[in-house]
């Protein structure tokens, strides 16, 4: 597949040339993407499951303090027989079949996660929703400056902004924008692309992302 040409947007929405991106990540056909919706869904569900802490818990009847003495004798009182005031039918008693701590994470092979990311990035690129900007304010944090760069590109749509790992000032510039979710290139994942209407790379972060993908492919 031939590489995809992505338009680079400069300050205030002006065009600043183009950048070449591999079709492997940004040029998969929409038909192929539709054929792999189940894969994307599985990866997203696994990612959401892994984010669950799994620390919810309740006390069973054997864990509730007290209740060691039989409330009343077995026979002769006219009341139902009871063995402990911490039995589930008593107020303050234990819980039946309550939640217990568990690990919700699912095993997802690296190749599945990489493939899902390729498909969702291509889906956004096919819809014209992958953008490359020349850069964000880097000298000092400036939310106003970052907004001036991003607004002509994505308007007020919910957007995932991808930055290079060392772009601390750029990160501080966009972190408080209400419709922006910001992460670094090595953190980009299927869920954050699926939930965003647009994906914005800087020129540096796009190169860093592609380099990290190439390194991962060689290791595999």
N, C-alpha and C. Protein backbone atom coordinates (compact mmCIF):
# COMPACT_ATOMS: atom_id res chain seq x y z
N UNK A 1 0.83 -1.19 0.00
CA UNK A 1 0.00 0.00 0.00
C UNK A 1 0.88 1.25 0.00
N UNK A 2 0.43 2.24 -0.76
CA UNK A 2 1.17 3.50 -0.83
C UNK A 2 0.95 4.31 0.44
N UNK A 3 1.95 5.09 0.79
CA UNK A 3 1.83 5.92 1.98
C UNK A 3 0.72 6.96 1.82
N UNK A 4 0.21 7.39 2.96
CA UNK A 4 -0.86 8.38 2.99
C UNK A 4 -0.25 9.75 3.24
N UNK A 5 -0.76 10.75 2.56
CA UNK A 5 -0.27 12.12 2.75
C UNK A 5 -1.24 12.86 3.66
N UNK A 6 -0.72 13.32 4.81
CA UNK A 6 -1.54 14.06 5.77
C UNK A 6 -1.15 15.54 5.72
N UNK A 7 -2.16 16.40 5.67
CA UNK A 7 -1.92 17.84 5.61
C UNK A 7 -1.43 18.34 6.97
N UNK A 8 -0.42 19.19 6.96
CA UNK A 8 0.10 19.79 8.18
C UNK A 8 -0.48 21.20 8.31
N UNK A 9 -1.06 21.47 9.47
CA UNK A 9 -1.66 22.78 9.71
C UNK A 9 -0.74 23.61 10.60
N UNK A 10 -0.49 24.83 10.17
CA UNK A 10 0.36 25.72 10.94
C UNK A 10 -0.45 26.61 11.87
N UNK A 11 0.14 27.70 12.31
CA UNK A 11 -0.54 28.63 13.22
C UNK A 11 -1.76 29.24 12.55
N UNK A 12 -2.84 29.36 13.31
CA UNK A 12 -4.09 30.00 12.88
C UNK A 12 -4.70 29.33 11.66
N UNK A 13 -4.47 28.04 11.50
CA UNK A 13 -5.13 27.29 10.45
C UNK A 13 -4.48 27.33 9.09
N UNK A 14 -3.33 27.96 8.96
CA UNK A 14 -2.66 28.02 7.66
C UNK A 14 -2.02 26.68 7.33
N UNK A 15 -2.00 26.34 6.04
CA UNK A 15 -1.40 25.08 5.62
C UNK A 15 0.12 25.21 5.61
N UNK A 16 0.78 24.18 6.17
CA UNK A 16 2.24 24.21 6.27
C UNK A 16 2.84 22.96 5.64
N UNK A 17 2.29 22.56 4.50
CA UNK A 17 2.83 21.41 3.79
C UNK A 17 2.11 20.12 4.15
N UNK A 18 2.75 19.02 3.83
CA UNK A 18 2.18 17.70 4.11
C UNK A 18 3.25 16.81 4.73
N UNK A 19 2.80 15.71 5.30
CA UNK A 19 3.70 14.73 5.87
C UNK A 19 3.24 13.34 5.43
N UNK A 20 4.19 12.49 5.16
CA UNK A 20 3.88 11.14 4.70
C UNK A 20 3.71 10.20 5.90
N UNK A 21 2.64 9.40 5.87
CA UNK A 21 2.36 8.45 6.94
C UNK A 21 2.08 7.08 6.32
N UNK A 22 2.54 6.01 6.94
CA UNK A 22 2.36 4.69 6.34
C UNK A 22 0.89 4.27 6.26
N UNK A 23 0.53 3.71 5.12
CA UNK A 23 -0.85 3.26 4.92
C UNK A 23 -1.21 2.14 5.88
N UNK A 24 -0.21 1.46 6.41
CA UNK A 24 -0.45 0.40 7.37
C UNK A 24 -1.24 0.90 8.57
N UNK A 25 -1.00 2.17 8.94
CA UNK A 25 -1.69 2.75 10.10
C UNK A 25 -2.78 3.74 9.74
N UNK A 26 -2.68 4.36 8.58
CA UNK A 26 -3.63 5.41 8.25
C UNK A 26 -4.33 5.20 6.91
N UNK A 27 -4.09 4.07 6.25
CA UNK A 27 -4.68 3.89 4.93
C UNK A 27 -5.41 2.59 4.73
N UNK A 28 -5.76 1.90 5.80
CA UNK A 28 -6.54 0.67 5.66
C UNK A 28 -7.94 1.03 5.17
N UNK A 29 -8.44 0.28 4.21
CA UNK A 29 -9.74 0.61 3.62
C UNK A 29 -10.87 0.46 4.63
N UNK A 30 -11.94 1.20 4.38
CA UNK A 30 -13.08 1.16 5.30
C UNK A 30 -13.73 -0.22 5.32
N UNK A 31 -13.67 -0.93 4.20
CA UNK A 31 -14.23 -2.28 4.16
C UNK A 31 -13.47 -3.21 5.12
N UNK A 32 -12.16 -3.10 5.14
CA UNK A 32 -11.37 -3.91 6.06
C UNK A 32 -11.63 -3.53 7.51
N UNK A 33 -11.80 -2.24 7.74
CA UNK A 33 -12.11 -1.80 9.11
C UNK A 33 -13.43 -2.41 9.57
N UNK A 34 -14.44 -2.39 8.72
CA UNK A 34 -15.75 -2.96 9.10
C UNK A 34 -15.64 -4.45 9.36
N UNK A 35 -14.76 -5.12 8.62
CA UNK A 35 -14.58 -6.56 8.82
C UNK A 35 -13.94 -6.88 10.17
N UNK A 36 -13.32 -5.89 10.80
CA UNK A 36 -12.61 -6.13 12.05
C UNK A 36 -13.20 -5.35 13.22
N UNK A 37 -14.47 -5.01 13.12
CA UNK A 37 -15.15 -4.31 14.22
C UNK A 37 -15.14 -5.17 15.48
N UNK A 38 -15.32 -6.48 15.32
CA UNK A 38 -15.34 -7.38 16.48
C UNK A 38 -13.99 -7.36 17.21
N UNK A 39 -12.91 -7.29 16.46
CA UNK A 39 -11.58 -7.22 17.06
C UNK A 39 -11.42 -5.92 17.85
N UNK A 40 -11.83 -4.80 17.25
CA UNK A 40 -11.74 -3.52 17.93
C UNK A 40 -12.56 -3.55 19.21
N UNK A 41 -13.76 -4.10 19.13
CA UNK A 41 -14.63 -4.20 20.30
C UNK A 41 -13.98 -5.02 21.41
N UNK A 42 -13.39 -6.13 21.05
CA UNK A 42 -12.75 -7.00 22.05
C UNK A 42 -11.60 -6.28 22.75
N UNK A 43 -10.81 -5.54 21.99
CA UNK A 43 -9.67 -4.83 22.57
C UNK A 43 -10.15 -3.71 23.50
N UNK A 44 -11.20 -2.99 23.08
CA UNK A 44 -11.73 -1.91 23.92
C UNK A 44 -12.29 -2.47 25.22
N UNK A 45 -13.05 -3.56 25.13
CA UNK A 45 -13.64 -4.17 26.33
C UNK A 45 -12.53 -4.65 27.28
N UNK A 46 -11.48 -5.23 26.71
CA UNK A 46 -10.36 -5.69 27.54
C UNK A 46 -9.67 -4.52 28.22
N UNK A 47 -9.55 -3.41 27.51
CA UNK A 47 -8.90 -2.23 28.10
C UNK A 47 -9.75 -1.66 29.23
N UNK A 48 -11.06 -1.61 29.04
CA UNK A 48 -11.94 -1.12 30.10
C UNK A 48 -11.93 -2.06 31.30
N UNK A 49 -11.87 -3.36 31.03
CA UNK A 49 -11.83 -4.34 32.12
C UNK A 49 -10.56 -4.20 32.93
N UNK A 50 -9.44 -3.97 32.24
CA UNK A 50 -8.16 -3.83 32.93
C UNK A 50 -8.12 -2.59 33.81
N UNK A 51 -8.96 -1.61 33.50
CA UNK A 51 -8.98 -0.37 34.28
C UNK A 51 -9.77 -0.52 35.57
N UNK A 52 -10.51 -1.60 35.71
CA UNK A 52 -11.30 -1.80 36.93
C UNK A 52 -10.38 -2.22 38.07
N UNK A 53 -10.59 -1.63 39.23
CA UNK A 53 -9.71 -1.93 40.37
C UNK A 53 -10.01 -3.31 40.96
N UNK A 54 -11.26 -3.72 40.91
CA UNK A 54 -11.62 -5.05 41.43
C UNK A 54 -11.44 -5.18 42.94
N UNK A 55 -11.55 -4.08 43.66
CA UNK A 55 -11.34 -4.13 45.11
C UNK A 55 -12.65 -4.14 45.90
N UNK A 56 -13.79 -4.18 45.20
CA UNK A 56 -15.07 -4.16 45.90
C UNK A 56 -15.24 -5.45 46.72
N UNK A 57 -15.78 -5.32 47.91
CA UNK A 57 -15.92 -6.47 48.79
C UNK A 57 -16.98 -6.19 49.85
N UNK A 58 -17.60 -7.25 50.34
CA UNK A 58 -18.54 -7.15 51.47
C UNK A 58 -18.17 -8.24 52.48
N UNK A 59 -18.76 -8.15 53.66
CA UNK A 59 -18.50 -9.15 54.70
C UNK A 59 -19.57 -10.23 54.66
N UNK A 60 -19.11 -11.47 54.69
CA UNK A 60 -20.04 -12.59 54.81
C UNK A 60 -20.32 -12.85 56.28
N UNK A 61 -21.23 -13.75 56.57
CA UNK A 61 -21.67 -13.92 57.95
C UNK A 61 -20.53 -14.31 58.88
N UNK A 62 -19.54 -15.00 58.36
CA UNK A 62 -18.42 -15.40 59.19
C UNK A 62 -17.42 -14.29 59.45
N UNK A 63 -17.57 -13.17 58.72
CA UNK A 63 -16.63 -12.07 58.86
C UNK A 63 -17.18 -10.90 59.67
N UNK A 64 -18.50 -10.89 59.92
CA UNK A 64 -19.11 -9.81 60.70
C UNK A 64 -18.86 -10.07 62.18
N UNK A 65 -18.39 -9.06 62.89
CA UNK A 65 -18.08 -9.25 64.31
C UNK A 65 -19.35 -9.46 65.12
N UNK A 66 -19.24 -10.23 66.18
CA UNK A 66 -20.38 -10.52 67.04
C UNK A 66 -21.17 -11.72 66.55
N UNK A 67 -22.27 -11.98 67.21
CA UNK A 67 -23.16 -13.05 66.78
C UNK A 67 -22.72 -14.44 67.17
N UNK A 68 -21.78 -14.53 68.09
CA UNK A 68 -21.31 -15.86 68.48
C UNK A 68 -22.28 -16.61 69.37
N UNK A 69 -23.14 -15.89 70.03
CA UNK A 69 -24.09 -16.53 70.95
C UNK A 69 -25.43 -16.75 70.26
N UNK A 70 -26.03 -17.88 70.50
CA UNK A 70 -27.36 -18.16 69.95
C UNK A 70 -28.37 -17.19 70.58
N UNK A 71 -29.18 -16.46 69.76
CA UNK A 71 -30.05 -15.41 70.30
C UNK A 71 -31.06 -15.92 71.35
N UNK A 72 -31.63 -17.07 71.11
CA UNK A 72 -32.54 -17.71 72.07
C UNK A 72 -32.50 -19.20 71.87
N UNK A 73 -33.07 -19.88 72.81
CA UNK A 73 -32.99 -21.34 72.74
C UNK A 73 -33.75 -21.88 71.54
N UNK A 74 -33.42 -23.10 71.16
CA UNK A 74 -33.94 -23.68 69.93
C UNK A 74 -35.46 -23.87 69.97
N UNK A 75 -35.97 -24.35 71.08
CA UNK A 75 -37.39 -24.71 71.15
C UNK A 75 -38.07 -24.00 72.32
N UNK A 76 -39.39 -23.91 72.21
CA UNK A 76 -40.19 -23.45 73.33
C UNK A 76 -40.48 -21.97 73.39
N UNK A 77 -39.94 -21.17 72.49
CA UNK A 77 -40.19 -19.72 72.56
C UNK A 77 -41.33 -19.28 71.64
N UNK A 78 -41.71 -20.14 70.72
CA UNK A 78 -42.73 -19.77 69.75
C UNK A 78 -42.19 -18.96 68.58
N UNK A 79 -40.93 -18.68 68.62
CA UNK A 79 -40.32 -17.93 67.52
C UNK A 79 -39.51 -18.85 66.62
N UNK A 80 -39.19 -18.35 65.44
CA UNK A 80 -38.40 -19.15 64.50
C UNK A 80 -37.01 -19.40 65.09
N UNK A 81 -36.46 -20.56 64.81
CA UNK A 81 -35.13 -20.90 65.32
C UNK A 81 -34.07 -20.02 64.66
N UNK A 82 -33.14 -19.55 65.45
CA UNK A 82 -32.07 -18.69 64.97
C UNK A 82 -30.76 -19.16 65.58
N UNK A 83 -29.69 -19.06 64.80
CA UNK A 83 -28.39 -19.48 65.29
C UNK A 83 -27.44 -18.33 65.58
N UNK A 84 -27.67 -17.19 64.91
CA UNK A 84 -26.76 -16.06 65.08
C UNK A 84 -27.45 -14.78 64.61
N UNK A 85 -27.17 -13.69 65.33
CA UNK A 85 -27.74 -12.41 64.89
C UNK A 85 -26.97 -11.82 63.71
N UNK A 86 -25.91 -12.50 63.27
CA UNK A 86 -25.16 -12.05 62.10
C UNK A 86 -25.49 -12.88 60.85
N UNK A 87 -26.55 -13.67 60.93
CA UNK A 87 -27.03 -14.40 59.76
C UNK A 87 -27.59 -13.40 58.74
N UNK A 88 -27.62 -13.71 57.46
CA UNK A 88 -28.01 -12.74 56.43
C UNK A 88 -29.40 -12.13 56.61
N UNK A 89 -30.35 -12.86 57.23
CA UNK A 89 -31.70 -12.31 57.36
C UNK A 89 -31.82 -11.27 58.47
N UNK A 90 -30.78 -11.09 59.26
CA UNK A 90 -30.79 -10.11 60.34
C UNK A 90 -30.22 -8.78 59.85
N UNK A 91 -30.77 -7.69 60.39
CA UNK A 91 -30.19 -6.38 60.12
C UNK A 91 -28.80 -6.33 60.73
N UNK A 92 -27.82 -5.94 59.95
CA UNK A 92 -26.44 -5.94 60.42
C UNK A 92 -25.75 -7.27 60.22
N UNK A 93 -26.45 -8.20 59.57
CA UNK A 93 -25.85 -9.50 59.31
C UNK A 93 -24.98 -9.50 58.07
N UNK A 94 -24.42 -10.65 57.75
CA UNK A 94 -23.57 -10.78 56.58
C UNK A 94 -24.36 -10.70 55.29
N UNK A 95 -23.64 -10.58 54.17
CA UNK A 95 -24.26 -10.48 52.85
C UNK A 95 -24.08 -11.81 52.12
N UNK A 96 -25.16 -12.23 51.46
CA UNK A 96 -25.12 -13.49 50.71
C UNK A 96 -24.66 -13.22 49.28
N UNK A 97 -23.69 -13.97 48.80
CA UNK A 97 -23.23 -13.89 47.41
C UNK A 97 -22.81 -12.46 47.02
N UNK A 98 -22.21 -11.75 47.94
CA UNK A 98 -21.75 -10.40 47.65
C UNK A 98 -20.48 -10.40 46.84
N UNK A 99 -20.07 -9.23 46.34
CA UNK A 99 -18.85 -9.15 45.52
C UNK A 99 -17.60 -9.43 46.34
N UNK A 100 -16.62 -10.03 45.71
CA UNK A 100 -15.34 -10.32 46.34
C UNK A 100 -14.22 -9.74 45.46
N UNK A 101 -13.09 -9.37 46.06
CA UNK A 101 -11.98 -8.85 45.24
C UNK A 101 -11.59 -9.82 44.14
N UNK A 102 -11.38 -9.28 42.93
CA UNK A 102 -11.01 -10.14 41.81
C UNK A 102 -10.27 -9.31 40.76
N UNK A 103 -9.60 -10.00 39.89
CA UNK A 103 -8.86 -9.37 38.80
C UNK A 103 -9.70 -9.46 37.53
N UNK A 104 -10.09 -8.31 36.99
CA UNK A 104 -10.95 -8.28 35.81
C UNK A 104 -10.18 -8.29 34.50
N UNK A 105 -8.88 -8.17 34.57
CA UNK A 105 -8.10 -8.03 33.34
C UNK A 105 -8.23 -9.26 32.44
N UNK A 106 -8.18 -9.01 31.14
CA UNK A 106 -8.28 -10.06 30.14
C UNK A 106 -6.96 -10.14 29.37
N UNK A 107 -6.61 -11.32 28.98
CA UNK A 107 -5.38 -11.47 28.20
C UNK A 107 -5.64 -11.05 26.76
N UNK A 108 -4.90 -10.04 26.31
CA UNK A 108 -5.02 -9.57 24.94
C UNK A 108 -3.63 -9.55 24.31
N UNK A 109 -3.37 -10.38 23.32
CA UNK A 109 -2.05 -10.40 22.68
C UNK A 109 -1.67 -9.04 22.10
N UNK A 110 -0.38 -8.76 22.10
CA UNK A 110 0.12 -7.48 21.59
C UNK A 110 -0.28 -7.27 20.13
N UNK A 111 -0.28 -8.34 19.36
CA UNK A 111 -0.62 -8.20 17.93
C UNK A 111 -2.08 -7.79 17.75
N UNK A 112 -2.95 -8.25 18.63
CA UNK A 112 -4.36 -7.86 18.56
C UNK A 112 -4.51 -6.37 18.86
N UNK A 113 -3.81 -5.90 19.89
CA UNK A 113 -3.90 -4.49 20.25
C UNK A 113 -3.33 -3.60 19.16
N UNK A 114 -2.22 -4.04 18.57
CA UNK A 114 -1.61 -3.25 17.50
C UNK A 114 -2.52 -3.20 16.27
N UNK A 115 -3.15 -4.32 15.95
CA UNK A 115 -4.05 -4.36 14.79
C UNK A 115 -5.27 -3.48 15.01
N UNK A 116 -5.85 -3.54 16.21
CA UNK A 116 -7.03 -2.71 16.51
C UNK A 116 -6.70 -1.23 16.40
N UNK A 117 -5.51 -0.84 16.86
CA UNK A 117 -5.10 0.56 16.77
C UNK A 117 -4.95 0.99 15.32
N UNK A 118 -4.40 0.11 14.48
CA UNK A 118 -4.27 0.44 13.06
C UNK A 118 -5.63 0.67 12.41
N UNK A 119 -6.59 -0.18 12.74
CA UNK A 119 -7.91 -0.07 12.13
C UNK A 119 -8.64 1.20 12.55
N UNK A 120 -8.57 1.54 13.84
CA UNK A 120 -9.31 2.73 14.28
C UNK A 120 -8.64 4.02 13.79
N UNK A 121 -7.31 4.04 13.72
CA UNK A 121 -6.63 5.21 13.16
C UNK A 121 -6.99 5.38 11.68
N UNK A 122 -7.04 4.27 10.96
CA UNK A 122 -7.41 4.34 9.55
C UNK A 122 -8.85 4.80 9.39
N UNK A 123 -9.72 4.35 10.29
CA UNK A 123 -11.12 4.78 10.24
C UNK A 123 -11.23 6.29 10.40
N UNK A 124 -10.49 6.85 11.35
CA UNK A 124 -10.53 8.30 11.55
C UNK A 124 -9.88 9.02 10.36
N UNK A 125 -8.80 8.46 9.84
CA UNK A 125 -8.13 9.09 8.70
C UNK A 125 -9.01 9.07 7.46
N UNK A 126 -9.72 7.97 7.24
CA UNK A 126 -10.62 7.87 6.09
C UNK A 126 -11.74 8.91 6.16
N UNK A 127 -12.11 9.27 7.38
CA UNK A 127 -13.17 10.27 7.57
C UNK A 127 -12.61 11.69 7.63
N UNK A 128 -11.30 11.84 7.44
CA UNK A 128 -10.68 13.16 7.50
C UNK A 128 -10.57 13.71 8.91
N UNK A 129 -10.50 12.81 9.88
CA UNK A 129 -10.48 13.22 11.29
C UNK A 129 -9.12 12.99 11.95
N UNK A 130 -8.07 12.74 11.17
CA UNK A 130 -6.71 12.70 11.70
C UNK A 130 -5.98 13.94 11.19
N UNK A 131 -5.45 14.73 12.12
CA UNK A 131 -4.83 16.00 11.76
C UNK A 131 -3.40 16.05 12.29
N UNK A 132 -2.57 16.79 11.59
CA UNK A 132 -1.20 17.02 12.03
C UNK A 132 -0.99 18.53 12.11
N UNK A 133 -0.54 18.99 13.26
CA UNK A 133 -0.23 20.42 13.42
C UNK A 133 1.28 20.58 13.52
N UNK A 134 1.73 21.73 13.09
CA UNK A 134 3.18 21.96 13.09
C UNK A 134 3.75 21.94 14.50
N UNK A 135 2.97 22.42 15.44
CA UNK A 135 3.42 22.42 16.82
C UNK A 135 2.50 23.22 17.70
N UNK A 136 2.64 23.08 19.01
CA UNK A 136 1.90 23.86 19.99
C UNK A 136 2.90 24.76 20.73
N UNK A 137 2.40 25.75 21.47
CA UNK A 137 3.33 26.64 22.19
C UNK A 137 4.31 25.85 23.05
N UNK A 138 5.60 26.05 22.80
CA UNK A 138 6.62 25.24 23.47
C UNK A 138 7.51 26.07 24.40
N UNK A 139 7.58 27.38 24.18
CA UNK A 139 8.45 28.21 25.01
C UNK A 139 7.97 28.26 26.45
N UNK A 140 6.65 28.40 26.60
CA UNK A 140 6.05 28.42 27.92
C UNK A 140 4.60 27.95 27.77
N UNK A 141 3.99 27.42 28.83
CA UNK A 141 2.60 26.96 28.73
C UNK A 141 1.67 28.11 28.34
N UNK A 142 0.81 27.87 27.37
CA UNK A 142 -0.14 28.89 26.93
C UNK A 142 -1.39 28.21 26.41
N UNK A 143 -2.42 28.17 27.24
CA UNK A 143 -3.68 27.57 26.82
C UNK A 143 -4.30 28.36 25.68
N UNK A 144 -4.19 29.67 25.74
CA UNK A 144 -4.72 30.53 24.67
C UNK A 144 -4.01 30.23 23.35
N UNK A 145 -2.69 30.06 23.40
CA UNK A 145 -1.94 29.76 22.19
C UNK A 145 -2.29 28.39 21.62
N UNK A 146 -2.48 27.40 22.51
CA UNK A 146 -2.85 26.06 22.05
C UNK A 146 -4.24 26.07 21.42
N UNK A 147 -5.15 26.84 22.02
CA UNK A 147 -6.50 26.93 21.48
C UNK A 147 -6.51 27.58 20.11
N UNK A 148 -5.61 28.54 19.90
CA UNK A 148 -5.53 29.20 18.60
C UNK A 148 -5.07 28.24 17.52
N UNK A 149 -4.25 27.27 17.89
CA UNK A 149 -3.77 26.28 16.93
C UNK A 149 -4.82 25.20 16.67
N UNK A 150 -5.51 24.77 17.72
CA UNK A 150 -6.42 23.62 17.60
C UNK A 150 -7.81 24.01 17.08
N UNK A 151 -8.30 25.17 17.44
CA UNK A 151 -9.68 25.55 17.07
C UNK A 151 -9.94 25.52 15.56
N UNK A 152 -9.05 26.05 14.71
CA UNK A 152 -9.32 25.97 13.27
C UNK A 152 -9.34 24.55 12.73
N UNK A 153 -8.73 23.63 13.46
CA UNK A 153 -8.63 22.24 12.98
C UNK A 153 -9.81 21.39 13.45
N UNK A 154 -10.14 21.47 14.74
CA UNK A 154 -11.14 20.57 15.30
C UNK A 154 -12.36 21.30 15.85
N UNK A 155 -12.37 22.62 15.80
CA UNK A 155 -13.48 23.43 16.34
C UNK A 155 -13.70 23.04 17.81
N UNK A 156 -14.93 22.61 18.16
CA UNK A 156 -15.19 22.25 19.55
C UNK A 156 -15.47 20.77 19.72
N UNK A 157 -15.02 19.95 18.76
CA UNK A 157 -15.26 18.50 18.85
C UNK A 157 -14.31 17.87 19.88
N UNK A 158 -14.77 16.77 20.48
CA UNK A 158 -13.92 16.08 21.45
C UNK A 158 -12.74 15.45 20.73
N UNK A 159 -11.54 15.76 21.20
CA UNK A 159 -10.32 15.43 20.45
C UNK A 159 -9.28 14.80 21.35
N UNK A 160 -8.60 13.78 20.83
CA UNK A 160 -7.41 13.24 21.47
C UNK A 160 -6.19 13.89 20.84
N UNK A 161 -5.40 14.57 21.67
CA UNK A 161 -4.19 15.23 21.20
C UNK A 161 -2.99 14.39 21.62
N UNK A 162 -2.14 14.06 20.65
CA UNK A 162 -0.97 13.21 20.89
C UNK A 162 0.29 14.07 20.85
N UNK A 163 1.08 14.01 21.92
CA UNK A 163 2.30 14.80 22.02
C UNK A 163 3.52 13.90 22.15
N UNK A 164 4.66 14.43 21.81
CA UNK A 164 5.90 13.68 22.03
C UNK A 164 6.22 13.67 23.51
N UNK A 165 7.01 12.70 23.94
CA UNK A 165 7.22 12.46 25.36
C UNK A 165 7.83 13.66 26.10
N UNK A 166 8.66 14.44 25.45
CA UNK A 166 9.31 15.56 26.13
C UNK A 166 8.55 16.87 26.06
N UNK A 167 7.35 16.87 25.47
CA UNK A 167 6.61 18.12 25.25
C UNK A 167 5.82 18.51 26.49
N UNK A 168 6.51 18.88 27.55
CA UNK A 168 5.85 19.19 28.81
C UNK A 168 5.07 20.50 28.73
N UNK A 169 5.66 21.53 28.15
CA UNK A 169 4.95 22.81 28.03
C UNK A 169 3.71 22.68 27.16
N UNK A 170 3.81 21.91 26.08
CA UNK A 170 2.65 21.68 25.22
C UNK A 170 1.55 20.94 25.98
N UNK A 171 1.96 19.97 26.78
CA UNK A 171 0.98 19.22 27.58
C UNK A 171 0.28 20.14 28.58
N UNK A 172 1.03 21.02 29.22
CA UNK A 172 0.44 21.95 30.17
C UNK A 172 -0.48 22.96 29.47
N UNK A 173 -0.23 23.21 28.21
CA UNK A 173 -1.04 24.18 27.46
C UNK A 173 -2.44 23.64 27.15
N UNK A 174 -2.56 22.33 26.97
CA UNK A 174 -3.86 21.77 26.54
C UNK A 174 -4.57 20.96 27.62
N UNK A 175 -3.93 20.73 28.75
CA UNK A 175 -4.51 19.82 29.74
C UNK A 175 -5.83 20.32 30.33
N UNK A 176 -6.04 21.65 30.34
CA UNK A 176 -7.26 22.20 30.94
C UNK A 176 -8.37 22.48 29.94
N UNK A 177 -8.15 22.22 28.67
CA UNK A 177 -9.19 22.45 27.67
C UNK A 177 -10.27 21.38 27.82
N UNK A 178 -11.54 21.79 27.89
CA UNK A 178 -12.61 20.83 28.25
C UNK A 178 -12.84 19.71 27.25
N UNK A 179 -12.60 19.96 25.97
CA UNK A 179 -12.89 18.94 24.95
C UNK A 179 -11.64 18.23 24.46
N UNK A 180 -10.56 18.35 25.22
CA UNK A 180 -9.29 17.77 24.80
C UNK A 180 -8.85 16.69 25.79
N UNK A 181 -8.49 15.53 25.24
CA UNK A 181 -7.83 14.48 26.03
C UNK A 181 -6.41 14.37 25.49
N UNK A 182 -5.44 14.59 26.35
CA UNK A 182 -4.05 14.64 25.89
C UNK A 182 -3.28 13.45 26.42
N UNK A 183 -2.43 12.89 25.58
CA UNK A 183 -1.54 11.80 25.99
C UNK A 183 -0.27 11.84 25.15
N UNK A 184 0.70 11.06 25.55
CA UNK A 184 1.97 11.02 24.82
C UNK A 184 1.94 9.91 23.77
N UNK A 185 2.85 10.01 22.81
CA UNK A 185 2.82 9.11 21.64
C UNK A 185 2.90 7.65 22.03
N UNK A 186 3.69 7.33 23.06
CA UNK A 186 3.82 5.93 23.45
C UNK A 186 2.64 5.44 24.27
N UNK A 187 1.66 6.33 24.54
CA UNK A 187 0.46 5.94 25.28
C UNK A 187 -0.76 5.77 24.38
N UNK A 188 -0.63 6.11 23.12
CA UNK A 188 -1.78 6.07 22.23
C UNK A 188 -2.36 4.66 22.16
N UNK A 189 -3.67 4.55 22.29
CA UNK A 189 -4.32 3.25 22.36
C UNK A 189 -5.67 3.29 21.67
N UNK A 190 -6.24 2.12 21.47
CA UNK A 190 -7.49 2.00 20.72
C UNK A 190 -8.63 2.76 21.37
N UNK A 191 -8.78 2.64 22.67
CA UNK A 191 -9.91 3.27 23.37
C UNK A 191 -9.90 4.79 23.19
N UNK A 192 -8.74 5.42 23.33
CA UNK A 192 -8.67 6.87 23.24
C UNK A 192 -8.87 7.37 21.82
N UNK A 193 -8.71 6.51 20.84
CA UNK A 193 -9.04 6.89 19.46
C UNK A 193 -10.53 6.68 19.20
N UNK A 194 -11.06 5.57 19.69
CA UNK A 194 -12.48 5.25 19.48
C UNK A 194 -13.38 6.32 20.10
N UNK A 195 -13.02 6.79 21.29
CA UNK A 195 -13.88 7.73 22.00
C UNK A 195 -13.73 9.17 21.52
N UNK A 196 -12.75 9.44 20.68
CA UNK A 196 -12.52 10.81 20.19
C UNK A 196 -13.11 10.98 18.80
N UNK A 197 -13.63 12.17 18.55
CA UNK A 197 -14.11 12.49 17.20
C UNK A 197 -12.94 12.78 16.27
N UNK A 198 -11.92 13.41 16.80
CA UNK A 198 -10.73 13.75 16.01
C UNK A 198 -9.48 13.34 16.77
N UNK A 199 -8.41 13.09 16.01
CA UNK A 199 -7.10 12.80 16.60
C UNK A 199 -6.11 13.79 16.00
N UNK A 200 -5.38 14.48 16.88
CA UNK A 200 -4.42 15.49 16.43
C UNK A 200 -3.02 15.09 16.89
N UNK A 201 -2.11 15.00 15.93
CA UNK A 201 -0.69 14.77 16.20
C UNK A 201 0.06 16.08 15.97
N UNK A 202 1.15 16.28 16.68
CA UNK A 202 2.13 17.26 16.24
C UNK A 202 3.09 16.51 15.31
N UNK A 203 3.87 17.24 14.54
CA UNK A 203 4.81 16.58 13.63
C UNK A 203 5.78 15.69 14.40
N UNK A 204 6.24 16.17 15.55
CA UNK A 204 7.18 15.39 16.35
C UNK A 204 6.53 14.15 16.93
N UNK A 205 5.30 14.28 17.42
CA UNK A 205 4.64 13.13 18.05
C UNK A 205 4.28 12.07 17.02
N UNK A 206 3.93 12.50 15.81
CA UNK A 206 3.63 11.52 14.76
C UNK A 206 4.86 10.69 14.44
N UNK A 207 6.01 11.35 14.31
CA UNK A 207 7.24 10.62 14.03
C UNK A 207 7.61 9.70 15.19
N UNK A 208 7.43 10.20 16.41
CA UNK A 208 7.74 9.39 17.58
C UNK A 208 6.82 8.17 17.66
N UNK A 209 5.55 8.37 17.33
CA UNK A 209 4.60 7.25 17.33
C UNK A 209 5.00 6.20 16.30
N UNK A 210 5.33 6.63 15.10
CA UNK A 210 5.71 5.69 14.04
C UNK A 210 7.01 4.96 14.38
N UNK A 211 7.95 5.67 14.98
CA UNK A 211 9.20 5.04 15.37
C UNK A 211 8.98 3.98 16.44
N UNK A 212 8.10 4.28 17.40
CA UNK A 212 7.83 3.31 18.47
C UNK A 212 7.12 2.08 17.92
N UNK A 213 6.24 2.29 16.94
CA UNK A 213 5.55 1.15 16.32
C UNK A 213 6.54 0.27 15.55
N UNK A 214 7.47 0.90 14.86
CA UNK A 214 8.47 0.14 14.11
C UNK A 214 9.36 -0.67 15.05
N UNK A 215 9.74 -0.06 16.17
CA UNK A 215 10.56 -0.76 17.14
C UNK A 215 9.82 -1.95 17.73
N UNK A 216 8.53 -1.77 18.00
CA UNK A 216 7.72 -2.86 18.57
C UNK A 216 7.58 -4.00 17.57
N UNK A 217 7.43 -3.65 16.29
CA UNK A 217 7.28 -4.68 15.26
C UNK A 217 8.56 -5.50 15.12
N UNK A 218 9.73 -4.86 15.24
CA UNK A 218 10.99 -5.58 15.14
C UNK A 218 11.19 -6.52 16.33
N UNK A 219 10.76 -6.07 17.51
CA UNK A 219 10.89 -6.93 18.70
C UNK A 219 10.00 -8.16 18.61
N UNK A 220 8.80 -7.94 17.99
CA UNK A 220 7.87 -9.07 17.86
C UNK A 220 8.39 -10.08 16.85
